[in-house]
Amino acid sequence: MTPPSGVVPHANQSVPRPIRPLLRACALVLAALLGACAGAGQGVRGGREVTVLVYNIHAGKDAGGHDNLARVAEVVRGSGADLVLLQEVDRN
């Protein structure tokens, strides 16, 4: 169903209700981590650098549409990242 002209659907309409609390929790954790890292390396000696990997795994499929989760896992492990954020992770 297309909304009437000039009407923008509410952004949360496409997110299933059971997932909303999980998304909020993830957003809060990410905000806390970013806030904690914001001052890293600014006047603190011996501070530790945090490496972040953001990876769109395209539902674990390669360009040909074949399952490729083993390669995704290999890339994540090989990155040595302290924090890994995966996008487009699907259950099906």
PDB file of N, CA and C in Angstrom:
ATOM      1  N   MET A   1       0.842  -1.173   0.000  1.00  0.00           N
ATOM      2  CA  MET A   1       0.000   0.000   0.000  1.00  0.00           C
ATOM      3  C   MET A   1       0.892   1.242   0.000  1.00  0.00           C
ATOM      4  N   THR A   2       0.626   2.159  -0.886  1.00  0.00           N
ATOM      5  CA  THR A   2       1.399   3.391  -1.009  1.00  0.00           C
ATOM      6  C   THR A   2       0.719   4.496  -0.213  1.00  0.00           C
ATOM      7  N   PRO A   3       1.508   5.231   0.610  1.00  0.00           N
ATOM      8  CA  PRO A   3       0.889   6.316   1.381  1.00  0.00           C
ATOM      9  C   PRO A   3       0.462   7.439   0.453  1.00  0.00           C
ATOM     10  N   PRO A   4      -0.531   8.228   0.874  1.00  0.00           N
ATOM     11  CA  PRO A   4      -0.972   9.363   0.059  1.00  0.00           C
ATOM     12  C   PRO A   4       0.195  10.309  -0.204  1.00  0.00           C
ATOM     13  N   SER A   5       0.101  11.040  -1.283  1.00  0.00           N
ATOM     14  CA  SER A   5       1.153  11.976  -1.658  1.00  0.00           C
ATOM     15  C   SER A   5       1.434  12.957  -0.537  1.00  0.00           C
ATOM     16  N   GLY A   6       2.714  13.164  -0.257  1.00  0.00           N
ATOM     17  CA  GLY A   6       3.117  14.105   0.777  1.00  0.00           C
ATOM     18  C   GLY A   6       3.136  13.516   2.174  1.00  0.00           C
ATOM     19  N   VAL A   7       2.715  12.250   2.341  1.00  0.00           N
ATOM     20  CA  VAL A   7       2.701  11.613   3.647  1.00  0.00           C
ATOM     21  C   VAL A   7       3.889  10.667   3.731  1.00  0.00           C
ATOM     22  N   VAL A   8       4.693  10.834   4.750  1.00  0.00           N
ATOM     23  CA  VAL A   8       5.850   9.974   4.953  1.00  0.00           C
ATOM     24  C   VAL A   8       5.498   8.947   6.018  1.00  0.00           C
ATOM     25  N   PRO A   9       5.633   7.636   5.707  1.00  0.00           N
ATOM     26  CA  PRO A   9       5.301   6.626   6.720  1.00  0.00           C
ATOM     27  C   PRO A   9       6.271   6.722   7.890  1.00  0.00           C
ATOM     28  N   HIS A  10       5.811   6.353   9.071  1.00  0.00           N
ATOM     29  CA  HIS A  10       6.655   6.375  10.268  1.00  0.00           C
ATOM     30  C   HIS A  10       7.799   5.384  10.089  1.00  0.00           C
ATOM     31  N   ALA A  11       9.005   5.773  10.474  1.00  0.00           N
ATOM     32  CA  ALA A  11      10.208   4.969  10.249  1.00  0.00           C
ATOM     33  C   ALA A  11      10.140   3.613  10.931  1.00  0.00           C
ATOM     34  N   ASN A  12       9.466   3.497  12.063  1.00  0.00           N
ATOM     35  CA  ASN A  12       9.441   2.232  12.803  1.00  0.00           C
ATOM     36  C   ASN A  12       8.417   1.243  12.276  1.00  0.00           C
ATOM     37  N   GLN A  13       7.633   1.608  11.287  1.00  0.00           N
ATOM     38  CA  GLN A  13       6.599   0.707  10.794  1.00  0.00           C
ATOM     39  C   GLN A  13       7.183  -0.534  10.147  1.00  0.00           C
ATOM     40  N   SER A  14       8.385  -0.460   9.595  1.00  0.00           N
ATOM     41  CA  SER A  14       8.947  -1.608   8.903  1.00  0.00           C
ATOM     42  C   SER A  14       9.702  -2.546   9.832  1.00  0.00           C
ATOM     43  N   VAL A  15       9.933  -2.168  11.083  1.00  0.00           N
ATOM     44  CA  VAL A  15      10.678  -2.997  12.025  1.00  0.00           C
ATOM     45  C   VAL A  15       9.683  -3.774  12.877  1.00  0.00           C
ATOM     46  N   PRO A  16       9.785  -5.115  12.868  1.00  0.00           N
ATOM     47  CA  PRO A  16       8.863  -5.913  13.695  1.00  0.00           C
ATOM     48  C   PRO A  16       8.988  -5.539  15.176  1.00  0.00           C
ATOM     49  N   ARG A  17       7.883  -5.527  15.883  1.00  0.00           N
ATOM     50  CA  ARG A  17       7.853  -5.102  17.282  1.00  0.00           C
ATOM     51  C   ARG A  17       8.831  -5.863  18.184  1.00  0.00           C
ATOM     52  N   PRO A  18       8.987  -7.193  18.081  1.00  0.00           N
ATOM     53  CA  PRO A  18       9.909  -7.888  18.982  1.00  0.00           C
ATOM     54  C   PRO A  18      11.365  -7.460  18.811  1.00  0.00           C
ATOM     55  N   ILE A  19      11.713  -6.897  17.669  1.00  0.00           N
ATOM     56  CA  ILE A  19      13.099  -6.527  17.406  1.00  0.00           C
ATOM     57  C   ILE A  19      13.405  -5.115  17.914  1.00  0.00           C
ATOM     58  N   ARG A  20      12.410  -4.290  18.077  1.00  0.00           N
ATOM     59  CA  ARG A  20      12.631  -2.899  18.487  1.00  0.00           C
ATOM     60  C   ARG A  20      13.437  -2.774  19.780  1.00  0.00           C
ATOM     61  N   PRO A  21      13.109  -3.529  20.852  1.00  0.00           N
ATOM     62  CA  PRO A  21      13.923  -3.399  22.077  1.00  0.00           C
ATOM     63  C   PRO A  21      15.381  -3.798  21.851  1.00  0.00           C
ATOM     64  N   LEU A  22      15.605  -4.794  21.028  1.00  0.00           N
ATOM     65  CA  LEU A  22      16.968  -5.220  20.715  1.00  0.00           C
ATOM     66  C   LEU A  22      17.721  -4.116  19.975  1.00  0.00           C
ATOM     67  N   LEU A  23      17.065  -3.474  19.021  1.00  0.00           N
ATOM     68  CA  LEU A  23      17.690  -2.377  18.296  1.00  0.00           C
ATOM     69  C   LEU A  23      18.013  -1.214  19.231  1.00  0.00           C
ATOM     70  N   ARG A  24      17.095  -0.917  20.134  1.00  0.00           N
ATOM     71  CA  ARG A  24      17.350   0.165  21.102  1.00  0.00           C
ATOM     72  C   ARG A  24      18.535  -0.178  21.996  1.00  0.00           C
ATOM     73  N   ALA A  25      18.593  -1.431  22.465  1.00  0.00           N
ATOM     74  CA  ALA A  25      19.691  -1.849  23.328  1.00  0.00           C
ATOM     75  C   ALA A  25      21.022  -1.768  22.587  1.00  0.00           C
ATOM     76  N   CYS A  26      21.040  -2.208  21.334  1.00  0.00           N
ATOM     77  CA  CYS A  26      22.262  -2.132  20.528  1.00  0.00           C
ATOM     78  C   CYS A  26      22.692  -0.685  20.323  1.00  0.00           C
ATOM     79  N   ALA A  27      21.738   0.180  20.075  1.00  0.00           N
ATOM     80  CA  ALA A  27      22.059   1.596  19.880  1.00  0.00           C
ATOM     81  C   ALA A  27      22.643   2.206  21.154  1.00  0.00           C
ATOM     82  N   LEU A  28      22.087   1.833  22.309  1.00  0.00           N
ATOM     83  CA  LEU A  28      22.604   2.349  23.580  1.00  0.00           C
ATOM     84  C   LEU A  28      24.014   1.840  23.858  1.00  0.00           C
ATOM     85  N   VAL A  29      24.255   0.557  23.588  1.00  0.00           N
ATOM     86  CA  VAL A  29      25.589  -0.009  23.798  1.00  0.00           C
ATOM     87  C   VAL A  29      26.588   0.663  22.869  1.00  0.00           C
ATOM     88  N   LEU A  30      26.222   0.841  21.611  1.00  0.00           N
ATOM     89  CA  LEU A  30      27.108   1.487  20.657  1.00  0.00           C
ATOM     90  C   LEU A  30      27.403   2.929  21.085  1.00  0.00           C
ATOM     91  N   ALA A  31      26.386   3.641  21.524  1.00  0.00           N
ATOM     92  CA  ALA A  31      26.592   5.020  21.972  1.00  0.00           C
ATOM     93  C   ALA A  31      27.524   5.059  23.181  1.00  0.00           C
ATOM     94  N   ALA A  32      27.369   4.114  24.104  1.00  0.00           N
ATOM     95  CA  ALA A  32      28.241   4.073  25.281  1.00  0.00           C
ATOM     96  C   ALA A  32      29.679   3.772  24.880  1.00  0.00           C
ATOM     97  N   LEU A  33      29.856   2.823  23.960  1.00  0.00           N
ATOM     98  CA  LEU A  33      31.209   2.495  23.500  1.00  0.00           C
ATOM     99  C   LEU A  33      31.857   3.677  22.790  1.00  0.00           C
ATOM    100  N   LEU A  34      31.108   4.326  21.926  1.00  0.00           N
ATOM    101  CA  LEU A  34      31.657   5.473  21.214  1.00  0.00           C
ATOM    102  C   LEU A  34      31.966   6.615  22.170  1.00  0.00           C
ATOM    103  N   GLY A  35      31.111   6.809  23.151  1.00  0.00           N
ATOM    104  CA  GLY A  35      31.358   7.845  24.139  1.00  0.00           C
ATOM    105  C   GLY A  35      32.600   7.554  24.959  1.00  0.00           C
ATOM    106  N   ALA A  36      32.800   6.289  25.304  1.00  0.00           N
ATOM    107  CA  ALA A  36      33.979   5.906  26.080  1.00  0.00           C
ATOM    108  C   ALA A  36      35.253   6.045  25.260  1.00  0.00           C
ATOM    109  N   CYS A  37      35.147   5.831  23.961  1.00  0.00           N
ATOM    110  CA  CYS A  37      36.324   5.900  23.087  1.00  0.00           C
ATOM    111  C   CYS A  37      36.594   7.316  22.589  1.00  0.00           C
ATOM    112  N   ALA A  38      35.665   8.223  22.777  1.00  0.00           N
ATOM    113  CA  ALA A  38      35.802   9.568  22.213  1.00  0.00           C
ATOM    114  C   ALA A  38      37.046  10.287  22.705  1.00  0.00           C
ATOM    115  N   GLY A  39      37.412  10.089  23.956  1.00  0.00           N
ATOM    116  CA  GLY A  39      38.575  10.768  24.497  1.00  0.00           C
ATOM    117  C   GLY A  39      39.841   9.940  24.452  1.00  0.00           C
ATOM    118  N   ALA A  40      39.795   8.761  23.857  1.00  0.00           N
ATOM    119  CA  ALA A  40      40.963   7.877  23.824  1.00  0.00           C
ATOM    120  C   ALA A  40      42.119   8.545  23.100  1.00  0.00           C
ATOM    121  N   GLY A  41      43.279   8.471  23.710  1.00  0.00           N
ATOM    122  CA  GLY A  41      44.478   9.009  23.088  1.00  0.00           C
ATOM    123  C   GLY A  41      44.649  10.502  23.254  1.00  0.00           C
ATOM    124  N   GLN A  42      43.778  11.149  23.975  1.00  0.00           N
ATOM    125  CA  GLN A  42      43.886  12.588  24.175  1.00  0.00           C
ATOM    126  C   GLN A  42      44.373  12.861  25.593  1.00  0.00           C
ATOM    127  N   GLY A  43      45.685  12.870  25.750  1.00  0.00           N
ATOM    128  CA  GLY A  43      46.279  13.175  27.037  1.00  0.00           C
ATOM    129  C   GLY A  43      46.399  11.992  27.972  1.00  0.00           C
ATOM    130  N   VAL A  44      46.010  10.817  27.546  1.00  0.00           N
ATOM    131  CA  VAL A  44      46.123   9.632  28.386  1.00  0.00           C
ATOM    132  C   VAL A  44      47.293   8.803  27.877  1.00  0.00           C
ATOM    133  N   ARG A  45      48.298   8.626  28.708  1.00  0.00           N
ATOM    134  CA  ARG A  45      49.451   7.822  28.297  1.00  0.00           C
ATOM    135  C   ARG A  45      49.167   6.356  28.553  1.00  0.00           C
ATOM    136  N   GLY A  46      49.647   5.540  27.649  1.00  0.00           N
ATOM    137  CA  GLY A  46      49.447   4.105  27.801  1.00  0.00           C
ATOM    138  C   GLY A  46      48.040   3.665  27.445  1.00  0.00           C
ATOM    139  N   GLY A  47      47.270   4.575  26.839  1.00  0.00           N
ATOM    140  CA  GLY A  47      45.917   4.227  26.425  1.00  0.00           C
ATOM    141  C   GLY A  47      45.952   3.183  25.322  1.00  0.00           C
ATOM    142  N   ARG A  48      44.861   2.511  25.116  1.00  0.00           N
ATOM    143  CA  ARG A  48      44.782   1.441  24.128  1.00  0.00           C
ATOM    144  C   ARG A  48      43.901   1.882  22.973  1.00  0.00           C
ATOM    145  N   GLU A  49      44.356   1.616  21.759  1.00  0.00           N
ATOM    146  CA  GLU A  49      43.567   1.922  20.563  1.00  0.00           C
ATOM    147  C   GLU A  49      42.556   0.804  20.340  1.00  0.00           C
ATOM    148  N   VAL A  50      41.345   1.167  19.957  1.00  0.00           N
ATOM    149  CA  VAL A  50      40.290   0.201  19.690  1.00  0.00           C
ATOM    150  C   VAL A  50      40.082   0.122  18.187  1.00  0.00           C
ATOM    151  N   THR A  51      40.098  -1.092  17.665  1.00  0.00           N
ATOM    152  CA  THR A  51      39.874  -1.303  16.240  1.00  0.00           C
ATOM    153  C   THR A  51      38.442  -1.780  16.030  1.00  0.00           C
ATOM    154  N   VAL A  52      37.728  -1.108  15.119  1.00  0.00           N
ATOM    155  CA  VAL A  52      36.329  -1.435  14.849  1.00  0.00           C
ATOM    156  C   VAL A  52      36.191  -1.899  13.407  1.00  0.00           C
ATOM    157  N   LEU A  53      35.480  -2.995  13.206  1.00  0.00           N
ATOM    158  CA  LEU A  53      35.179  -3.499  11.865  1.00  0.00           C
ATOM    159  C   LEU A  53      33.684  -3.396  11.652  1.00  0.00           C
ATOM    160  N   VAL A  54      33.271  -2.674  10.626  1.00  0.00           N
ATOM    161  CA  VAL A  54      31.866  -2.611  10.222  1.00  0.00           C
ATOM    162  C   VAL A  54      31.787  -3.330   8.885  1.00  0.00           C
ATOM    163  N   TYR A  55      30.965  -4.384   8.818  1.00  0.00           N
ATOM    164  CA  TYR A  55      30.979  -5.266   7.657  1.00  0.00           C
ATOM    165  C   TYR A  55      29.549  -5.594   7.240  1.00  0.00           C
ATOM    166  N   ASN A  56      29.187  -5.244   6.002  1.00  0.00           N
ATOM    167  CA  ASN A  56      27.889  -5.603   5.444  1.00  0.00           C
ATOM    168  C   ASN A  56      28.053  -6.974   4.809  1.00  0.00           C
ATOM    169  N   ILE A  57      27.482  -7.992   5.442  1.00  0.00           N
ATOM    170  CA  ILE A  57      27.703  -9.364   4.966  1.00  0.00           C
ATOM    171  C   ILE A  57      26.686  -9.800   3.911  1.00  0.00           C
ATOM    172  N   HIS A  58      25.766  -8.928   3.546  1.00  0.00           N
ATOM    173  CA  HIS A  58      24.770  -9.226   2.494  1.00  0.00           C
ATOM    174  C   HIS A  58      24.103 -10.581   2.716  1.00  0.00           C
ATOM    175  N   ALA A  59      23.630 -10.811   3.931  1.00  0.00           N
ATOM    176  CA  ALA A  59      22.932 -12.042   4.321  1.00  0.00           C
ATOM    177  C   ALA A  59      23.810 -13.280   4.140  1.00  0.00           C
ATOM    178  N   GLY A  60      25.124 -13.114   4.159  1.00  0.00           N
ATOM    179  CA  GLY A  60      26.030 -14.255   4.044  1.00  0.00           C
ATOM    180  C   GLY A  60      26.139 -14.819   2.649  1.00  0.00           C
ATOM    181  N   LYS A  61      25.765 -14.048   1.652  1.00  0.00           N
ATOM    182  CA  LYS A  61      25.810 -14.508   0.254  1.00  0.00           C
ATOM    183  C   LYS A  61      26.903 -13.762  -0.500  1.00  0.00           C
ATOM    184  N   ASP A  62      27.518 -14.442  -1.479  1.00  0.00           N
ATOM    185  CA  ASP A  62      28.498 -13.761  -2.329  1.00  0.00           C
ATOM    186  C   ASP A  62      27.777 -13.125  -3.513  1.00  0.00           C
ATOM    187  N   ALA A  63      28.520 -12.560  -4.447  1.00  0.00           N
ATOM    188  CA  ALA A  63      27.922 -11.862  -5.589  1.00  0.00           C
ATOM    189  C   ALA A  63      27.061 -12.784  -6.443  1.00  0.00           C
ATOM    190  N   GLY A  64      27.372 -14.067  -6.441  1.00  0.00           N
ATOM    191  CA  GLY A  64      26.590 -15.036  -7.208  1.00  0.00           C
ATOM    192  C   GLY A  64      25.381 -15.559  -6.470  1.00  0.00           C
ATOM    193  N   GLY A  65      25.168 -15.109  -5.213  1.00  0.00           N
ATOM    194  CA  GLY A  65      24.016 -15.552  -4.440  1.00  0.00           C
ATOM    195  C   GLY A  65      24.248 -16.842  -3.675  1.00  0.00           C
ATOM    196  N   HIS A  66      25.486 -17.315  -3.624  1.00  0.00           N
ATOM    197  CA  HIS A  66      25.810 -18.557  -2.914  1.00  0.00           C
ATOM    198  C   HIS A  66      26.192 -18.259  -1.471  1.00  0.00           C
ATOM    199  N   ASP A  67      25.877 -19.195  -0.565  1.00  0.00           N
ATOM    200  CA  ASP A  67      26.245 -19.028   0.840  1.00  0.00           C
ATOM    201  C   ASP A  67      27.750 -18.834   0.976  1.00  0.00           C
ATOM    202  N   ASN A  68      28.132 -17.867   1.788  1.00  0.00           N
ATOM    203  CA  ASN A  68      29.543 -17.522   1.927  1.00  0.00           C
ATOM    204  C   ASN A  68      29.888 -17.164   3.373  1.00  0.00           C
ATOM    205  N   LEU A  69      29.194 -17.774   4.338  1.00  0.00           N
ATOM    206  CA  LEU A  69      29.423 -17.440   5.738  1.00  0.00           C
ATOM    207  C   LEU A  69      30.814 -17.842   6.218  1.00  0.00           C
ATOM    208  N   ALA A  70      31.371 -18.911   5.664  1.00  0.00           N
ATOM    209  CA  ALA A  70      32.719 -19.324   6.062  1.00  0.00           C
ATOM    210  C   ALA A  70      33.728 -18.226   5.731  1.00  0.00           C
ATOM    211  N   ARG A  71      33.576 -17.602   4.579  1.00  0.00           N
ATOM    212  CA  ARG A  71      34.482 -16.518   4.187  1.00  0.00           C
ATOM    213  C   ARG A  71      34.260 -15.286   5.070  1.00  0.00           C
ATOM    214  N   VAL A  72      33.025 -14.998   5.410  1.00  0.00           N
ATOM    215  CA  VAL A  72      32.721 -13.879   6.297  1.00  0.00           C
ATOM    216  C   VAL A  72      33.416 -14.100   7.642  1.00  0.00           C
ATOM    217  N   ALA A  73      33.292 -15.310   8.194  1.00  0.00           N
ATOM    218  CA  ALA A  73      33.929 -15.625   9.480  1.00  0.00           C
ATOM    219  C   ALA A  73      35.446 -15.491   9.384  1.00  0.00           C
ATOM    220  N   GLU A  74      36.011 -15.920   8.265  1.00  0.00           N
ATOM    221  CA  GLU A  74      37.455 -15.822   8.055  1.00  0.00           C
ATOM    222  C   GLU A  74      37.913 -14.359   8.048  1.00  0.00           C
ATOM    223  N   VAL A  75      37.161 -13.516   7.366  1.00  0.00           N
ATOM    224  CA  VAL A  75      37.502 -12.091   7.297  1.00  0.00           C
ATOM    225  C   VAL A  75      37.412 -11.449   8.682  1.00  0.00           C
ATOM    226  N   VAL A  76      36.346 -11.780   9.424  1.00  0.00           N
ATOM    227  CA  VAL A  76      36.160 -11.195  10.757  1.00  0.00           C
ATOM    228  C   VAL A  76      37.292 -11.643  11.686  1.00  0.00           C
ATOM    229  N   ARG A  77      37.588 -12.929  11.698  1.00  0.00           N
ATOM    230  CA  ARG A  77      38.685 -13.430  12.545  1.00  0.00           C
ATOM    231  C   ARG A  77      40.019 -12.813  12.153  1.00  0.00           C
ATOM    232  N   GLY A  78      40.274 -12.721  10.865  1.00  0.00           N
ATOM    233  CA  GLY A  78      41.544 -12.196  10.372  1.00  0.00           C
ATOM    234  C   GLY A  78      41.719 -10.702  10.564  1.00  0.00           C
ATOM    235  N   SER A  79      40.624 -10.002  10.807  1.00  0.00           N
ATOM    236  CA  SER A  79      40.713  -8.542  10.957  1.00  0.00           C
ATOM    237  C   SER A  79      41.397  -8.137  12.259  1.00  0.00           C
ATOM    238  N   GLY A  80      41.269  -8.962  13.277  1.00  0.00           N
ATOM    239  CA  GLY A  80      41.832  -8.623  14.577  1.00  0.00           C
ATOM    240  C   GLY A  80      41.093  -7.487  15.261  1.00  0.00           C
ATOM    241  N   ALA A  81      39.885  -7.184  14.817  1.00  0.00           N
ATOM    242  CA  ALA A  81      39.109  -6.071  15.370  1.00  0.00           C
ATOM    243  C   ALA A  81      38.677  -6.358  16.805  1.00  0.00           C
ATOM    244  N   ASP A  82      38.630  -5.290  17.600  1.00  0.00           N
ATOM    245  CA  ASP A  82      38.146  -5.406  18.973  1.00  0.00           C
ATOM    246  C   ASP A  82      36.619  -5.410  19.020  1.00  0.00           C
ATOM    247  N   LEU A  83      36.017  -4.719  18.084  1.00  0.00           N
ATOM    248  CA  LEU A  83      34.567  -4.602  18.020  1.00  0.00           C
ATOM    249  C   LEU A  83      34.136  -4.831  16.577  1.00  0.00           C
ATOM    250  N   VAL A  84      33.193  -5.758  16.364  1.00  0.00           N
ATOM    251  CA  VAL A  84      32.716  -6.076  15.018  1.00  0.00           C
ATOM    252  C   VAL A  84      31.225  -5.780  14.949  1.00  0.00           C
ATOM    253  N   LEU A  85      30.832  -4.967  13.968  1.00  0.00           N
ATOM    254  CA  LEU A  85      29.429  -4.644  13.732  1.00  0.00           C
ATOM    255  C   LEU A  85      29.050  -5.219  12.375  1.00  0.00           C
ATOM    256  N   LEU A  86      28.112  -6.173  12.370  1.00  0.00           N
ATOM    257  CA  LEU A  86      27.690  -6.803  11.124  1.00  0.00           C
ATOM    258  C   LEU A  86      26.364  -6.216  10.676  1.00  0.00           C
ATOM    259  N   GLN A  87      26.275  -5.935   9.378  1.00  0.00           N
ATOM    260  CA  GLN A  87      25.036  -5.430   8.781  1.00  0.00           C
ATOM    261  C   GLN A  87      24.449  -6.501   7.882  1.00  0.00           C
ATOM    262  N   GLU A  88      23.126  -6.435   7.712  1.00  0.00           N
ATOM    263  CA  GLU A  88      22.351  -7.356   6.879  1.00  0.00           C
ATOM    264  C   GLU A  88      22.531  -8.802   7.296  1.00  0.00           C
ATOM    265  N   VAL A  89      22.380  -9.038   8.591  1.00  0.00           N
ATOM    266  CA  VAL A  89      22.418 -10.390   9.130  1.00  0.00           C
ATOM    267  C   VAL A  89      20.983 -10.889   9.144  1.00  0.00           C
ATOM    268  N   ASP A  90      20.706 -11.948   8.396  1.00  0.00           N
ATOM    269  CA  ASP A  90      19.349 -12.487   8.296  1.00  0.00           C
ATOM    270  C   ASP A  90      19.271 -13.859   8.931  1.00  0.00           C
ATOM    271  N   ARG A  91      18.069 -14.216   9.379  1.00  0.00           N
ATOM    272  CA  ARG A  91      17.846 -15.553   9.938  1.00  0.00           C
ATOM    273  C   ARG A  91      17.626 -16.596   8.854  1.00  0.00           C
ATOM    274  N   ASN A  92      17.089 -16.198   7.730  1.00  0.00           N
ATOM    275  CA  ASN A  92      16.738 -17.165   6.673  1.00  0.00           C
ATOM    276  C   ASN A  92      17.845 -17.292   5.681  1.00  0.00           C
TER     277      ASN A  92
END
